[in-house]
Structure formats: C-alpha cells, structure tokens
Amino acid sequence: MNKADLVDAISEQTGLSKADAGKSLDAALDAVTKTLSGGDAVSLVGFGNFSVTRRNARTGRNPQTGAEIQIAARNAVKFSPGKALKDAVQ
C-alpha cells in the first residue's frame, strides 16, 4: 500500500473527499514528524509507539574495497508495534 492507496482507504471509510482525506493524512504525518524531530515520542494506543533513539558513531567497512570508514553518530526513528497491531497481523 502506498500513500495514494491509503488516501483512497481513508476516503472510503470516512466519507471524506479524496482531497480532504489527503490533507488529513498529510496533517497527521506532519504532526508525527514535528513531534519526533523535537525529540518526543508518539504513542498511538493499539497501533504502536514511535520514538527517537541515538546511534553512536562507529567504524564500518566499504563492502567493495574492505576499507574502514567512519560512520557518524545520528538519531534514528524506532517503531514498536502495539498489541492490537501484533494480534491483527497474526
């Protein structure tokens, strides 16, 4: 499923026009992005939790040459599925 498919599904389930469903989805994704970029977590009960974790700097290898490279420290997004989502997938 891609974003257009998700907009179609939202439109069908809510009765919103596709344009309004697209705006709603964009607003929700923007809110999640802004919250995570601020370092806070997002918890959607039954669906899951999004959080920001810190990855430390480390030494890696170029797979073609075998040369060592330095990989910089960075923030990464972590997702932990909720119980309802886990149960639905099973």
PDB file of N, CA and C in Angstrom:
ATOM      1  N   MET A   1       0.853  -1.174   0.000  1.00  0.00           N
ATOM      2  CA  MET A   1       0.000   0.000   0.000  1.00  0.00           C
ATOM      3  C   MET A   1       0.895   1.231   0.000  1.00  0.00           C
ATOM      4  N   ASN A   2       0.587   2.149  -0.889  1.00  0.00           N
ATOM      5  CA  ASN A   2       1.323   3.409  -0.915  1.00  0.00           C
ATOM      6  C   ASN A   2       0.405   4.535  -0.401  1.00  0.00           C
ATOM      7  N   LYS A   3       0.903   5.751  -0.460  1.00  0.00           N
ATOM      8  CA  LYS A   3       0.157   6.874   0.102  1.00  0.00           C
ATOM      9  C   LYS A   3      -1.184   7.079  -0.614  1.00  0.00           C
ATOM     10  N   ALA A   4      -1.201   6.928  -1.931  1.00  0.00           N
ATOM     11  CA  ALA A   4      -2.447   7.111  -2.686  1.00  0.00           C
ATOM     12  C   ALA A   4      -3.475   6.056  -2.282  1.00  0.00           C
ATOM     13  N   ASP A   5      -3.033   4.826  -2.080  1.00  0.00           N
ATOM     14  CA  ASP A   5      -3.939   3.768  -1.634  1.00  0.00           C
ATOM     15  C   ASP A   5      -4.489   4.073  -0.243  1.00  0.00           C
ATOM     16  N   LEU A   6      -3.633   4.602   0.623  1.00  0.00           N
ATOM     17  CA  LEU A   6      -4.055   4.951   1.976  1.00  0.00           C
ATOM     18  C   LEU A   6      -5.074   6.091   1.944  1.00  0.00           C
ATOM     19  N   VAL A   7      -4.853   7.072   1.105  1.00  0.00           N
ATOM     20  CA  VAL A   7      -5.809   8.179   0.952  1.00  0.00           C
ATOM     21  C   VAL A   7      -7.150   7.638   0.457  1.00  0.00           C
ATOM     22  N   ASP A   8      -7.124   6.715  -0.501  1.00  0.00           N
ATOM     23  CA  ASP A   8      -8.361   6.110  -1.002  1.00  0.00           C
ATOM     24  C   ASP A   8      -9.100   5.376   0.116  1.00  0.00           C
ATOM     25  N   ALA A   9      -8.354   4.618   0.933  1.00  0.00           N
ATOM     26  CA  ALA A   9      -8.981   3.865   2.023  1.00  0.00           C
ATOM     27  C   ALA A   9      -9.595   4.803   3.059  1.00  0.00           C
ATOM     28  N   ILE A  10      -8.892   5.882   3.390  1.00  0.00           N
ATOM     29  CA  ILE A  10      -9.417   6.862   4.350  1.00  0.00           C
ATOM     30  C   ILE A  10     -10.681   7.502   3.788  1.00  0.00           C
ATOM     31  N   SER A  11     -10.646   7.854   2.518  1.00  0.00           N
ATOM     32  CA  SER A  11     -11.793   8.485   1.870  1.00  0.00           C
ATOM     33  C   SER A  11     -13.014   7.569   1.900  1.00  0.00           C
ATOM     34  N   GLU A  12     -12.809   6.287   1.605  1.00  0.00           N
ATOM     35  CA  GLU A  12     -13.927   5.338   1.601  1.00  0.00           C
ATOM     36  C   GLU A  12     -14.499   5.118   2.999  1.00  0.00           C
ATOM     37  N   GLN A  13     -13.630   5.006   3.998  1.00  0.00           N
ATOM     38  CA  GLN A  13     -14.097   4.705   5.352  1.00  0.00           C
ATOM     39  C   GLN A  13     -14.743   5.890   6.048  1.00  0.00           C
ATOM     40  N   THR A  14     -14.303   7.104   5.717  1.00  0.00           N
ATOM     41  CA  THR A  14     -14.804   8.280   6.428  1.00  0.00           C
ATOM     42  C   THR A  14     -15.847   9.066   5.641  1.00  0.00           C
ATOM     43  N   GLY A  15     -15.928   8.841   4.348  1.00  0.00           N
ATOM     44  CA  GLY A  15     -16.852   9.613   3.536  1.00  0.00           C
ATOM     45  C   GLY A  15     -16.289  10.969   3.126  1.00  0.00           C
ATOM     46  N   LEU A  16     -15.026  11.218   3.455  1.00  0.00           N
ATOM     47  CA  LEU A  16     -14.384  12.466   3.035  1.00  0.00           C
ATOM     48  C   LEU A  16     -14.016  12.379   1.562  1.00  0.00           C
ATOM     49  N   SER A  17     -13.870  13.536   0.937  1.00  0.00           N
ATOM     50  CA  SER A  17     -13.375  13.536  -0.432  1.00  0.00           C
ATOM     51  C   SER A  17     -11.913  13.114  -0.402  1.00  0.00           C
ATOM     52  N   LYS A  18     -11.414  12.685  -1.540  1.00  0.00           N
ATOM     53  CA  LYS A  18     -10.010  12.269  -1.592  1.00  0.00           C
ATOM     54  C   LYS A  18      -9.079  13.430  -1.254  1.00  0.00           C
ATOM     55  N   ALA A  19      -9.451  14.633  -1.664  1.00  0.00           N
ATOM     56  CA  ALA A  19      -8.630  15.809  -1.365  1.00  0.00           C
ATOM     57  C   ALA A  19      -8.578  16.054   0.139  1.00  0.00           C
ATOM     58  N   ASP A  20      -9.731  15.966   0.807  1.00  0.00           N
ATOM     59  CA  ASP A  20      -9.775  16.174   2.255  1.00  0.00           C
ATOM     60  C   ASP A  20      -9.062  15.041   2.994  1.00  0.00           C
ATOM     61  N   ALA A  21      -9.207  13.821   2.509  1.00  0.00           N
ATOM     62  CA  ALA A  21      -8.516  12.688   3.124  1.00  0.00           C
ATOM     63  C   ALA A  21      -7.011  12.852   2.980  1.00  0.00           C
ATOM     64  N   GLY A  22      -6.561  13.331   1.832  1.00  0.00           N
ATOM     65  CA  GLY A  22      -5.136  13.578   1.613  1.00  0.00           C
ATOM     66  C   GLY A  22      -4.603  14.657   2.536  1.00  0.00           C
ATOM     67  N   LYS A  23      -5.387  15.717   2.715  1.00  0.00           N
ATOM     68  CA  LYS A  23      -4.981  16.793   3.624  1.00  0.00           C
ATOM     69  C   LYS A  23      -4.917  16.289   5.063  1.00  0.00           C
ATOM     70  N   SER A  24      -5.864  15.451   5.444  1.00  0.00           N
ATOM     71  CA  SER A  24      -5.878  14.896   6.800  1.00  0.00           C
ATOM     72  C   SER A  24      -4.662  14.008   7.036  1.00  0.00           C
ATOM     73  N   LEU A  25      -4.356  13.162   6.072  1.00  0.00           N
ATOM     74  CA  LEU A  25      -3.192  12.287   6.187  1.00  0.00           C
ATOM     75  C   LEU A  25      -1.906  13.104   6.252  1.00  0.00           C
ATOM     76  N   ASP A  26      -1.788  14.111   5.393  1.00  0.00           N
ATOM     77  CA  ASP A  26      -0.599  14.974   5.411  1.00  0.00           C
ATOM     78  C   ASP A  26      -0.451  15.676   6.757  1.00  0.00           C
ATOM     79  N   ALA A  27      -1.563  16.149   7.321  1.00  0.00           N
ATOM     80  CA  ALA A  27      -1.523  16.834   8.613  1.00  0.00           C
ATOM     81  C   ALA A  27      -1.085  15.876   9.719  1.00  0.00           C
ATOM     82  N   ALA A  28      -1.596  14.646   9.693  1.00  0.00           N
ATOM     83  CA  ALA A  28      -1.220  13.664  10.714  1.00  0.00           C
ATOM     84  C   ALA A  28       0.264  13.308  10.605  1.00  0.00           C
ATOM     85  N   LEU A  29       0.731  13.068   9.401  1.00  0.00           N
ATOM     86  CA  LEU A  29       2.148  12.728   9.208  1.00  0.00           C
ATOM     87  C   LEU A  29       3.054  13.897   9.585  1.00  0.00           C
ATOM     88  N   ASP A  30       2.609  15.115   9.287  1.00  0.00           N
ATOM     89  CA  ASP A  30       3.383  16.302   9.642  1.00  0.00           C
ATOM     90  C   ASP A  30       3.473  16.453  11.157  1.00  0.00           C
ATOM     91  N   ALA A  31       2.383  16.186  11.860  1.00  0.00           N
ATOM     92  CA  ALA A  31       2.385  16.284  13.322  1.00  0.00           C
ATOM     93  C   ALA A  31       3.323  15.239  13.936  1.00  0.00           C
ATOM     94  N   VAL A  32       3.294  14.022  13.410  1.00  0.00           N
ATOM     95  CA  VAL A  32       4.194  12.972  13.905  1.00  0.00           C
ATOM     96  C   VAL A  32       5.646  13.366  13.641  1.00  0.00           C
ATOM     97  N   THR A  33       5.929  13.859  12.439  1.00  0.00           N
ATOM     98  CA  THR A  33       7.292  14.262  12.078  1.00  0.00           C
ATOM     99  C   THR A  33       7.802  15.379  12.972  1.00  0.00           C
ATOM    100  N   LYS A  34       6.978  16.397  13.211  1.00  0.00           N
ATOM    101  CA  LYS A  34       7.397  17.522  14.058  1.00  0.00           C
ATOM    102  C   LYS A  34       7.634  17.068  15.492  1.00  0.00           C
ATOM    103  N   THR A  35       6.801  16.180  16.002  1.00  0.00           N
ATOM    104  CA  THR A  35       6.968  15.688  17.363  1.00  0.00           C
ATOM    105  C   THR A  35       8.260  14.895  17.496  1.00  0.00           C
ATOM    106  N   LEU A  36       8.520  14.006  16.541  1.00  0.00           N
ATOM    107  CA  LEU A  36       9.741  13.204  16.585  1.00  0.00           C
ATOM    108  C   LEU A  36      10.987  14.060  16.396  1.00  0.00           C
ATOM    109  N   SER A  37      10.919  15.063  15.510  1.00  0.00           N
ATOM    110  CA  SER A  37      12.091  15.915  15.298  1.00  0.00           C
ATOM    111  C   SER A  37      12.388  16.751  16.531  1.00  0.00           C
ATOM    112  N   GLY A  38      11.385  16.965  17.387  1.00  0.00           N
ATOM    113  CA  GLY A  38      11.597  17.666  18.651  1.00  0.00           C
ATOM    114  C   GLY A  38      12.144  16.761  19.742  1.00  0.00           C
ATOM    115  N   GLY A  39      12.289  15.474  19.438  1.00  0.00           N
ATOM    116  CA  GLY A  39      12.845  14.534  20.398  1.00  0.00           C
ATOM    117  C   GLY A  39      11.816  13.831  21.256  1.00  0.00           C
ATOM    118  N   ASP A  40      10.531  14.110  21.040  1.00  0.00           N
ATOM    119  CA  ASP A  40       9.476  13.478  21.823  1.00  0.00           C
ATOM    120  C   ASP A  40       8.980  12.213  21.128  1.00  0.00           C
ATOM    121  N   ALA A  41       8.296  11.373  21.878  1.00  0.00           N
ATOM    122  CA  ALA A  41       7.745  10.129  21.339  1.00  0.00           C
ATOM    123  C   ALA A  41       6.281  10.332  20.959  1.00  0.00           C
ATOM    124  N   VAL A  42       5.800   9.476  20.060  1.00  0.00           N
ATOM    125  CA  VAL A  42       4.402   9.482  19.641  1.00  0.00           C
ATOM    126  C   VAL A  42       3.831   8.114  19.973  1.00  0.00           C
ATOM    127  N   SER A  43       2.755   8.090  20.750  1.00  0.00           N
ATOM    128  CA  SER A  43       2.124   6.841  21.150  1.00  0.00           C
ATOM    129  C   SER A  43       0.704   6.795  20.615  1.00  0.00           C
ATOM    130  N   LEU A  44       0.423   5.812  19.765  1.00  0.00           N
ATOM    131  CA  LEU A  44      -0.915   5.603  19.220  1.00  0.00           C
ATOM    132  C   LEU A  44      -1.419   4.290  19.807  1.00  0.00           C
ATOM    133  N   VAL A  45      -2.281   4.390  20.808  1.00  0.00           N
ATOM    134  CA  VAL A  45      -2.736   3.222  21.561  1.00  0.00           C
ATOM    135  C   VAL A  45      -3.339   2.188  20.612  1.00  0.00           C
ATOM    136  N   GLY A  46      -2.880   0.972  20.726  1.00  0.00           N
ATOM    137  CA  GLY A  46      -3.345  -0.115  19.884  1.00  0.00           C
ATOM    138  C   GLY A  46      -2.572  -0.260  18.597  1.00  0.00           C
ATOM    139  N   PHE A  47      -1.965   0.811  18.124  1.00  0.00           N
ATOM    140  CA  PHE A  47      -1.191   0.752  16.881  1.00  0.00           C
ATOM    141  C   PHE A  47       0.287   0.586  17.170  1.00  0.00           C
ATOM    142  N   GLY A  48       0.851   1.504  17.971  1.00  0.00           N
ATOM    143  CA  GLY A  48       2.264   1.384  18.299  1.00  0.00           C
ATOM    144  C   GLY A  48       2.857   2.695  18.775  1.00  0.00           C
ATOM    145  N   ASN A  49       4.163   2.643  19.022  1.00  0.00           N
ATOM    146  CA  ASN A  49       4.906   3.801  19.520  1.00  0.00           C
ATOM    147  C   ASN A  49       6.053   4.138  18.583  1.00  0.00           C
ATOM    148  N   PHE A  50       6.198   5.415  18.295  1.00  0.00           N
ATOM    149  CA  PHE A  50       7.337   5.922  17.546  1.00  0.00           C
ATOM    150  C   PHE A  50       8.218   6.668  18.538  1.00  0.00           C
ATOM    151  N   SER A  51       9.520   6.429  18.493  1.00  0.00           N
ATOM    152  CA  SER A  51      10.428   7.143  19.379  1.00  0.00           C
ATOM    153  C   SER A  51      11.730   7.421  18.641  1.00  0.00           C
ATOM    154  N   VAL A  52      12.529   8.316  19.197  1.00  0.00           N
ATOM    155  CA  VAL A  52      13.819   8.673  18.621  1.00  0.00           C
ATOM    156  C   VAL A  52      14.905   8.052  19.477  1.00  0.00           C
ATOM    157  N   THR A  53      15.833   7.354  18.836  1.00  0.00           N
ATOM    158  CA  THR A  53      16.970   6.777  19.548  1.00  0.00           C
ATOM    159  C   THR A  53      18.255   7.345  18.967  1.00  0.00           C
ATOM    160  N   ARG A  54      19.290   7.317  19.748  1.00  0.00           N
ATOM    161  CA  ARG A  54      20.595   7.840  19.324  1.00  0.00           C
ATOM    162  C   ARG A  54      21.480   6.679  18.898  1.00  0.00           C
ATOM    163  N   ARG A  55      22.030   6.768  17.714  1.00  0.00           N
ATOM    164  CA  ARG A  55      23.009   5.780  17.253  1.00  0.00           C
ATOM    165  C   ARG A  55      24.388   6.395  17.392  1.00  0.00           C
ATOM    166  N   ASN A  56      25.259   5.704  18.081  1.00  0.00           N
ATOM    167  CA  ASN A  56      26.618   6.200  18.305  1.00  0.00           C
ATOM    168  C   ASN A  56      27.449   6.095  17.036  1.00  0.00           C
ATOM    169  N   ALA A  57      28.514   6.881  16.997  1.00  0.00           N
ATOM    170  CA  ALA A  57      29.465   6.805  15.890  1.00  0.00           C
ATOM    171  C   ALA A  57      30.141   5.439  15.939  1.00  0.00           C
ATOM    172  N   ARG A  58      30.479   4.935  14.764  1.00  0.00           N
ATOM    173  CA  ARG A  58      31.130   3.627  14.722  1.00  0.00           C
ATOM    174  C   ARG A  58      31.986   3.513  13.463  1.00  0.00           C
ATOM    175  N   THR A  59      32.794   2.481  13.443  1.00  0.00           N
ATOM    176  CA  THR A  59      33.621   2.206  12.287  1.00  0.00           C
ATOM    177  C   THR A  59      32.938   1.127  11.454  1.00  0.00           C
ATOM    178  N   GLY A  60      32.807   1.371  10.157  1.00  0.00           N
ATOM    179  CA  GLY A  60      32.207   0.406   9.249  1.00  0.00           C
ATOM    180  C   GLY A  60      33.189   0.024   8.164  1.00  0.00           C
ATOM    181  N   ARG A  61      32.755  -0.796   7.253  1.00  0.00           N
ATOM    182  CA  ARG A  61      33.604  -1.221   6.139  1.00  0.00           C
ATOM    183  C   ARG A  61      32.879  -1.001   4.818  1.00  0.00           C
ATOM    184  N   ASN A  62      33.643  -0.560   3.825  1.00  0.00           N
ATOM    185  CA  ASN A  62      33.142  -0.470   2.465  1.00  0.00           C
ATOM    186  C   ASN A  62      33.112  -1.902   1.926  1.00  0.00           C
ATOM    187  N   PRO A  63      31.944  -2.431   1.547  1.00  0.00           N
ATOM    188  CA  PRO A  63      31.881  -3.822   1.126  1.00  0.00           C
ATOM    189  C   PRO A  63      32.641  -4.122  -0.169  1.00  0.00           C
ATOM    190  N   GLN A  64      32.855  -3.123  -1.004  1.00  0.00           N
ATOM    191  CA  GLN A  64      33.572  -3.359  -2.261  1.00  0.00           C
ATOM    192  C   GLN A  64      35.077  -3.397  -2.062  1.00  0.00           C
ATOM    193  N   THR A  65      35.586  -2.472  -1.233  1.00  0.00           N
ATOM    194  CA  THR A  65      37.042  -2.377  -1.084  1.00  0.00           C
ATOM    195  C   THR A  65      37.538  -2.943   0.234  1.00  0.00           C
ATOM    196  N   GLY A  66      36.672  -3.075   1.202  1.00  0.00           N
ATOM    197  CA  GLY A  66      37.093  -3.547   2.516  1.00  0.00           C
ATOM    198  C   GLY A  66      37.713  -2.448   3.367  1.00  0.00           C
ATOM    199  N   ALA A  67      37.769  -1.229   2.843  1.00  0.00           N
ATOM    200  CA  ALA A  67      38.375  -0.116   3.579  1.00  0.00           C
ATOM    201  C   ALA A  67      37.478   0.292   4.742  1.00  0.00           C
ATOM    202  N   GLU A  68      38.100   0.657   5.849  1.00  0.00           N
ATOM    203  CA  GLU A  68      37.338   1.122   7.005  1.00  0.00           C
ATOM    204  C   GLU A  68      36.882   2.555   6.776  1.00  0.00           C
ATOM    205  N   ILE A  69      35.647   2.834   7.208  1.00  0.00           N
ATOM    206  CA  ILE A  69      35.097   4.192   7.120  1.00  0.00           C
ATOM    207  C   ILE A  69      34.479   4.535   8.460  1.00  0.00           C
ATOM    208  N   GLN A  70      34.423   5.807   8.757  1.00  0.00           N
ATOM    209  CA  GLN A  70      33.804   6.283   9.993  1.00  0.00           C
ATOM    210  C   GLN A  70      32.352   6.648   9.696  1.00  0.00           C
ATOM    211  N   ILE A  71      31.455   6.083  10.460  1.00  0.00           N
ATOM    212  CA  ILE A  71      30.033   6.392  10.337  1.00  0.00           C
ATOM    213  C   ILE A  71      29.675   7.309  11.495  1.00  0.00           C
ATOM    214  N   ALA A  72      29.148   8.478  11.173  1.00  0.00           N
ATOM    215  CA  ALA A  72      28.864   9.499  12.178  1.00  0.00           C
ATOM    216  C   ALA A  72      27.676   9.105  13.069  1.00  0.00           C
ATOM    217  N   ALA A  73      27.648   9.667  14.257  1.00  0.00           N
ATOM    218  CA  ALA A  73      26.513   9.468  15.163  1.00  0.00           C
ATOM    219  C   ALA A  73      25.293  10.167  14.567  1.00  0.00           C
ATOM    220  N   ARG A  74      24.119   9.597  14.846  1.00  0.00           N
ATOM    221  CA  ARG A  74      22.898  10.209  14.316  1.00  0.00           C
ATOM    222  C   ARG A  74      21.696   9.736  15.116  1.00  0.00           C
ATOM    223  N   ASN A  75      20.587  10.413  14.908  1.00  0.00           N
ATOM    224  CA  ASN A  75      19.329  10.000  15.510  1.00  0.00           C
ATOM    225  C   ASN A  75      18.593   9.087  14.525  1.00  0.00           C
ATOM    226  N   ALA A  76      17.862   8.123  15.055  1.00  0.00           N
ATOM    227  CA  ALA A  76      17.079   7.210  14.227  1.00  0.00           C
ATOM    228  C   ALA A  76      15.692   7.064  14.837  1.00  0.00           C
ATOM    229  N   VAL A  77      14.718   6.778  13.993  1.00  0.00           N
ATOM    230  CA  VAL A  77      13.351   6.575  14.457  1.00  0.00           C
ATOM    231  C   VAL A  77      13.144   5.085  14.714  1.00  0.00           C
ATOM    232  N   LYS A  78      12.542   4.786  15.857  1.00  0.00           N
ATOM    233  CA  LYS A  78      12.251   3.408  16.238  1.00  0.00           C
ATOM    234  C   LYS A  78      10.737   3.263  16.332  1.00  0.00           C
ATOM    235  N   PHE A  79      10.208   2.140  15.830  1.00  0.00           N
ATOM    236  CA  PHE A  79       8.773   1.849  15.922  1.00  0.00           C
ATOM    237  C   PHE A  79       8.593   0.541  16.680  1.00  0.00           C
ATOM    238  N   SER A  80       7.730   0.573  17.671  1.00  0.00           N
ATOM    239  CA  SER A  80       7.369  -0.626  18.421  1.00  0.00           C
ATOM    240  C   SER A  80       5.873  -0.846  18.237  1.00  0.00           C
ATOM    241  N   PRO A  81       5.476  -1.938  17.588  1.00  0.00           N
ATOM    242  CA  PRO A  81       4.043  -2.165  17.363  1.00  0.00           C
ATOM    243  C   PRO A  81       3.301  -2.435  18.667  1.00  0.00           C
ATOM    244  N   GLY A  82       2.039  -1.999  18.708  1.00  0.00           N
ATOM    245  CA  GLY A  82       1.182  -2.237  19.867  1.00  0.00           C
ATOM    246  C   GLY A  82       0.562  -3.625  19.815  1.00  0.00           C
ATOM    247  N   LYS A  83      -0.049  -4.023  20.889  1.00  0.00           N
ATOM    248  CA  LYS A  83      -0.623  -5.365  20.999  1.00  0.00           C
ATOM    249  C   LYS A  83      -1.704  -5.595  19.951  1.00  0.00           C
ATOM    250  N   ALA A  84      -2.578  -4.626  19.745  1.00  0.00           N
ATOM    251  CA  ALA A  84      -3.667  -4.796  18.769  1.00  0.00           C
ATOM    252  C   ALA A  84      -3.109  -5.015  17.353  1.00  0.00           C
ATOM    253  N   LEU A  85      -2.056  -4.294  17.004  1.00  0.00           N
ATOM    254  CA  LEU A  85      -1.448  -4.455  15.677  1.00  0.00           C
ATOM    255  C   LEU A  85      -0.774  -5.822  15.570  1.00  0.00           C
ATOM    256  N   LYS A  86      -0.075  -6.221  16.612  1.00  0.00           N
ATOM    257  CA  LYS A  86       0.569  -7.539  16.614  1.00  0.00           C
ATOM    258  C   LYS A  86      -0.466  -8.635  16.457  1.00  0.00           C
ATOM    259  N   ASP A  87      -1.562  -8.528  17.197  1.00  0.00           N
ATOM    260  CA  ASP A  87      -2.626  -9.538  17.124  1.00  0.00           C
ATOM    261  C   ASP A  87      -3.286  -9.570  15.757  1.00  0.00           C
ATOM    262  N   ALA A  88      -3.477  -8.402  15.139  1.00  0.00           N
ATOM    263  CA  ALA A  88      -4.114  -8.327  13.834  1.00  0.00           C
ATOM    264  C   ALA A  88      -3.257  -8.974  12.751  1.00  0.00           C
ATOM    265  N   VAL A  89      -1.947  -8.872  12.891  1.00  0.00           N
ATOM    266  CA  VAL A  89      -1.037  -9.441  11.899  1.00  0.00           C
ATOM    267  C   VAL A  89      -0.953 -10.962  12.055  1.00  0.00           C
ATOM    268  N   GLN A  90      -1.110 -11.448  13.266  1.00  0.00           N
ATOM    269  CA  GLN A  90      -1.051 -12.892  13.496  1.00  0.00           C
ATOM    270  C   GLN A  90      -2.257 -13.494  12.887  1.00  0.00           C
TER     271      GLN A  90
END
